[in-house]
Amino acid sequence: MKFALFIDNILSTDSPIIEQALAEKELDKGQLSMLLVKSGFAALNRSASSSSSLIPRILQALAKYPEQCQEAFKKGAEQTPSWKFLGWKSQILA
């Protein structure tokens, strides 16, 4: 959960310092979004109590970077009980 929140914080910050650090490590926001999807689903599957709050961010990452996140999303969604998505059905169907 903490790792997913850390990545989410990086992705939500528009800072030249962060952009420079990503470039130095040869990372882009698409790769970070894929890590957010993977770690978000890992938190959901470990039953972290507040992990369901990551679902909107997972959906945003999938919408913004579908090429990088699609496989991680499919795998994570298959391993996650469907009832964990019920609270977010309107966002999923939009």
C-alpha atoms as a PDB file:
ATOM      1  CA  MET A   1       0.000   0.000   0.000  1.00  0.00           C
ATOM      2  CA  LYS A   2       2.760   2.434   0.913  1.00  0.00           C
ATOM      3  CA  PHE A   3       4.602   1.797  -2.342  1.00  0.00           C
ATOM      4  CA  ALA A   4       1.441   2.434  -4.389  1.00  0.00           C
ATOM      5  CA  LEU A   5       0.825   5.676  -2.505  1.00  0.00           C
ATOM      6  CA  PHE A   6       4.454   6.698  -3.028  1.00  0.00           C
ATOM      7  CA  ILE A   7       4.179   6.150  -6.787  1.00  0.00           C
ATOM      8  CA  ASP A   8       0.839   7.956  -6.851  1.00  0.00           C
ATOM      9  CA  ASN A   9       2.474  10.920  -5.132  1.00  0.00           C
ATOM     10  CA  ILE A  10       5.245  11.000  -7.746  1.00  0.00           C
ATOM     11  CA  LEU A  11       2.747  10.787 -10.603  1.00  0.00           C
ATOM     12  CA  SER A  12       0.621  13.591  -9.161  1.00  0.00           C
ATOM     13  CA  THR A  13       3.560  15.963  -8.766  1.00  0.00           C
ATOM     14  CA  ASP A  14       4.559  18.070 -11.742  1.00  0.00           C
ATOM     15  CA  SER A  15       8.063  19.038 -10.818  1.00  0.00           C
ATOM     16  CA  PRO A  16      11.149  19.491 -12.969  1.00  0.00           C
ATOM     17  CA  ILE A  17      13.159  17.760 -10.247  1.00  0.00           C
ATOM     18  CA  ILE A  18      10.992  14.632 -10.506  1.00  0.00           C
ATOM     19  CA  GLU A  19      11.128  14.715 -14.309  1.00  0.00           C
ATOM     20  CA  GLN A  20      14.925  14.965 -14.147  1.00  0.00           C
ATOM     21  CA  ALA A  21      15.178  12.090 -11.654  1.00  0.00           C
ATOM     22  CA  LEU A  22      12.969   9.907 -13.849  1.00  0.00           C
ATOM     23  CA  ALA A  23      15.085  10.726 -16.898  1.00  0.00           C
ATOM     24  CA  GLU A  24      18.284   9.886 -15.014  1.00  0.00           C
ATOM     25  CA  LYS A  25      16.848   6.478 -14.068  1.00  0.00           C
ATOM     26  CA  GLU A  26      15.498   5.993 -17.616  1.00  0.00           C
ATOM     27  CA  LEU A  27      11.920   5.767 -16.340  1.00  0.00           C
ATOM     28  CA  ASP A  28       8.796   7.402 -17.645  1.00  0.00           C
ATOM     29  CA  LYS A  29       5.372   8.007 -16.145  1.00  0.00           C
ATOM     30  CA  GLY A  30       3.917   5.101 -18.095  1.00  0.00           C
ATOM     31  CA  GLN A  31       6.285   2.699 -16.363  1.00  0.00           C
ATOM     32  CA  LEU A  32       5.476   4.251 -12.996  1.00  0.00           C
ATOM     33  CA  SER A  33       1.763   3.910 -13.755  1.00  0.00           C
ATOM     34  CA  MET A  34       2.255   0.207 -14.458  1.00  0.00           C
ATOM     35  CA  LEU A  35       3.979  -0.122 -11.068  1.00  0.00           C
ATOM     36  CA  LEU A  36       1.055   1.729  -9.478  1.00  0.00           C
ATOM     37  CA  VAL A  37      -1.387  -0.760 -11.028  1.00  0.00           C
ATOM     38  CA  LYS A  38       0.676  -3.767  -9.884  1.00  0.00           C
ATOM     39  CA  SER A  39       1.255  -2.504  -6.355  1.00  0.00           C
ATOM     40  CA  GLY A  40      -2.331  -1.244  -6.050  1.00  0.00           C
ATOM     41  CA  PHE A  41      -3.724  -4.663  -6.898  1.00  0.00           C
ATOM     42  CA  ALA A  42      -1.199  -6.287  -4.557  1.00  0.00           C
ATOM     43  CA  ALA A  43      -2.536  -4.090  -1.740  1.00  0.00           C
ATOM     44  CA  LEU A  44      -6.137  -4.917  -2.678  1.00  0.00           C
ATOM     45  CA  ASN A  45      -5.382  -8.616  -2.606  1.00  0.00           C
ATOM     46  CA  ARG A  46      -3.663  -8.372   0.764  1.00  0.00           C
ATOM     47  CA  SER A  47      -6.905  -6.896   2.114  1.00  0.00           C
ATOM     48  CA  ALA A  48      -5.368  -3.627   3.221  1.00  0.00           C
ATOM     49  CA  SER A  49      -8.303  -1.783   4.772  1.00  0.00           C
ATOM     50  CA  SER A  50      -7.850   1.474   2.876  1.00  0.00           C
ATOM     51  CA  SER A  51      -6.546  -0.069  -0.338  1.00  0.00           C
ATOM     52  CA  SER A  52      -9.894   0.295  -2.120  1.00  0.00           C
ATOM     53  CA  SER A  53      -9.147   4.012  -2.309  1.00  0.00           C
ATOM     54  CA  LEU A  54      -6.489   3.111  -4.897  1.00  0.00           C
ATOM     55  CA  ILE A  55      -9.043   1.823  -7.417  1.00  0.00           C
ATOM     56  CA  PRO A  56      -9.743   5.269  -8.935  1.00  0.00           C
ATOM     57  CA  ARG A  57      -6.011   5.872  -9.359  1.00  0.00           C
ATOM     58  CA  ILE A  58      -5.582   2.444 -10.941  1.00  0.00           C
ATOM     59  CA  LEU A  59      -8.379   3.290 -13.378  1.00  0.00           C
ATOM     60  CA  GLN A  60      -6.801   6.672 -14.158  1.00  0.00           C
ATOM     61  CA  ALA A  61      -3.437   5.041 -14.815  1.00  0.00           C
ATOM     62  CA  LEU A  62      -5.093   2.532 -17.152  1.00  0.00           C
ATOM     63  CA  ALA A  63      -6.923   5.309 -19.018  1.00  0.00           C
ATOM     64  CA  LYS A  64      -3.842   7.503 -19.384  1.00  0.00           C
ATOM     65  CA  TYR A  65      -1.267   4.799 -20.179  1.00  0.00           C
ATOM     66  CA  PRO A  66      -3.218   1.845 -21.614  1.00  0.00           C
ATOM     67  CA  GLU A  67      -0.254   0.294 -23.424  1.00  0.00           C
ATOM     68  CA  GLN A  68       1.865   0.095 -20.295  1.00  0.00           C
ATOM     69  CA  CYS A  69      -0.906  -0.773 -17.813  1.00  0.00           C
ATOM     70  CA  GLN A  70      -3.264  -3.083 -19.684  1.00  0.00           C
ATOM     71  CA  GLU A  71      -1.546  -6.394 -18.946  1.00  0.00           C
ATOM     72  CA  ALA A  72      -0.918  -5.540 -15.290  1.00  0.00           C
ATOM     73  CA  PHE A  73      -4.565  -4.482 -14.950  1.00  0.00           C
ATOM     74  CA  LYS A  74      -5.879  -7.694 -16.529  1.00  0.00           C
ATOM     75  CA  LYS A  75      -3.706  -9.852 -14.302  1.00  0.00           C
ATOM     76  CA  GLY A  76      -4.533  -7.879 -11.162  1.00  0.00           C
ATOM     77  CA  ALA A  77      -8.277  -7.787 -11.869  1.00  0.00           C
ATOM     78  CA  GLU A  78      -8.365 -11.549 -12.443  1.00  0.00           C
ATOM     79  CA  GLN A  79      -6.782 -12.138  -9.036  1.00  0.00           C
ATOM     80  CA  THR A  80      -8.992  -9.653  -7.161  1.00  0.00           C
ATOM     81  CA  PRO A  81     -12.433 -10.586  -5.817  1.00  0.00           C
ATOM     82  CA  SER A  82     -15.080  -8.764  -7.831  1.00  0.00           C
ATOM     83  CA  TRP A  83     -16.871  -7.430  -4.756  1.00  0.00           C
ATOM     84  CA  LYS A  84     -13.928  -5.094  -4.124  1.00  0.00           C
ATOM     85  CA  PHE A  85     -14.895  -3.187  -7.289  1.00  0.00           C
ATOM     86  CA  LEU A  86     -18.588  -2.718  -6.426  1.00  0.00           C
ATOM     87  CA  GLY A  87     -18.098   0.654  -4.767  1.00  0.00           C
ATOM     88  CA  TRP A  88     -16.508   1.975  -7.947  1.00  0.00           C
ATOM     89  CA  LYS A  89     -18.898   0.539 -10.530  1.00  0.00           C
ATOM     90  CA  SER A  90     -20.017   3.956 -11.842  1.00  0.00           C
ATOM     91  CA  GLN A  91     -16.401   4.984 -12.488  1.00  0.00           C
ATOM     92  CA  ILE A  92     -15.642   1.656 -14.144  1.00  0.00           C
ATOM     93  CA  LEU A  93     -18.672   1.865 -16.425  1.00  0.00           C
ATOM     94  CA  ALA A  94     -18.086   5.514 -17.370  1.00  0.00           C
END
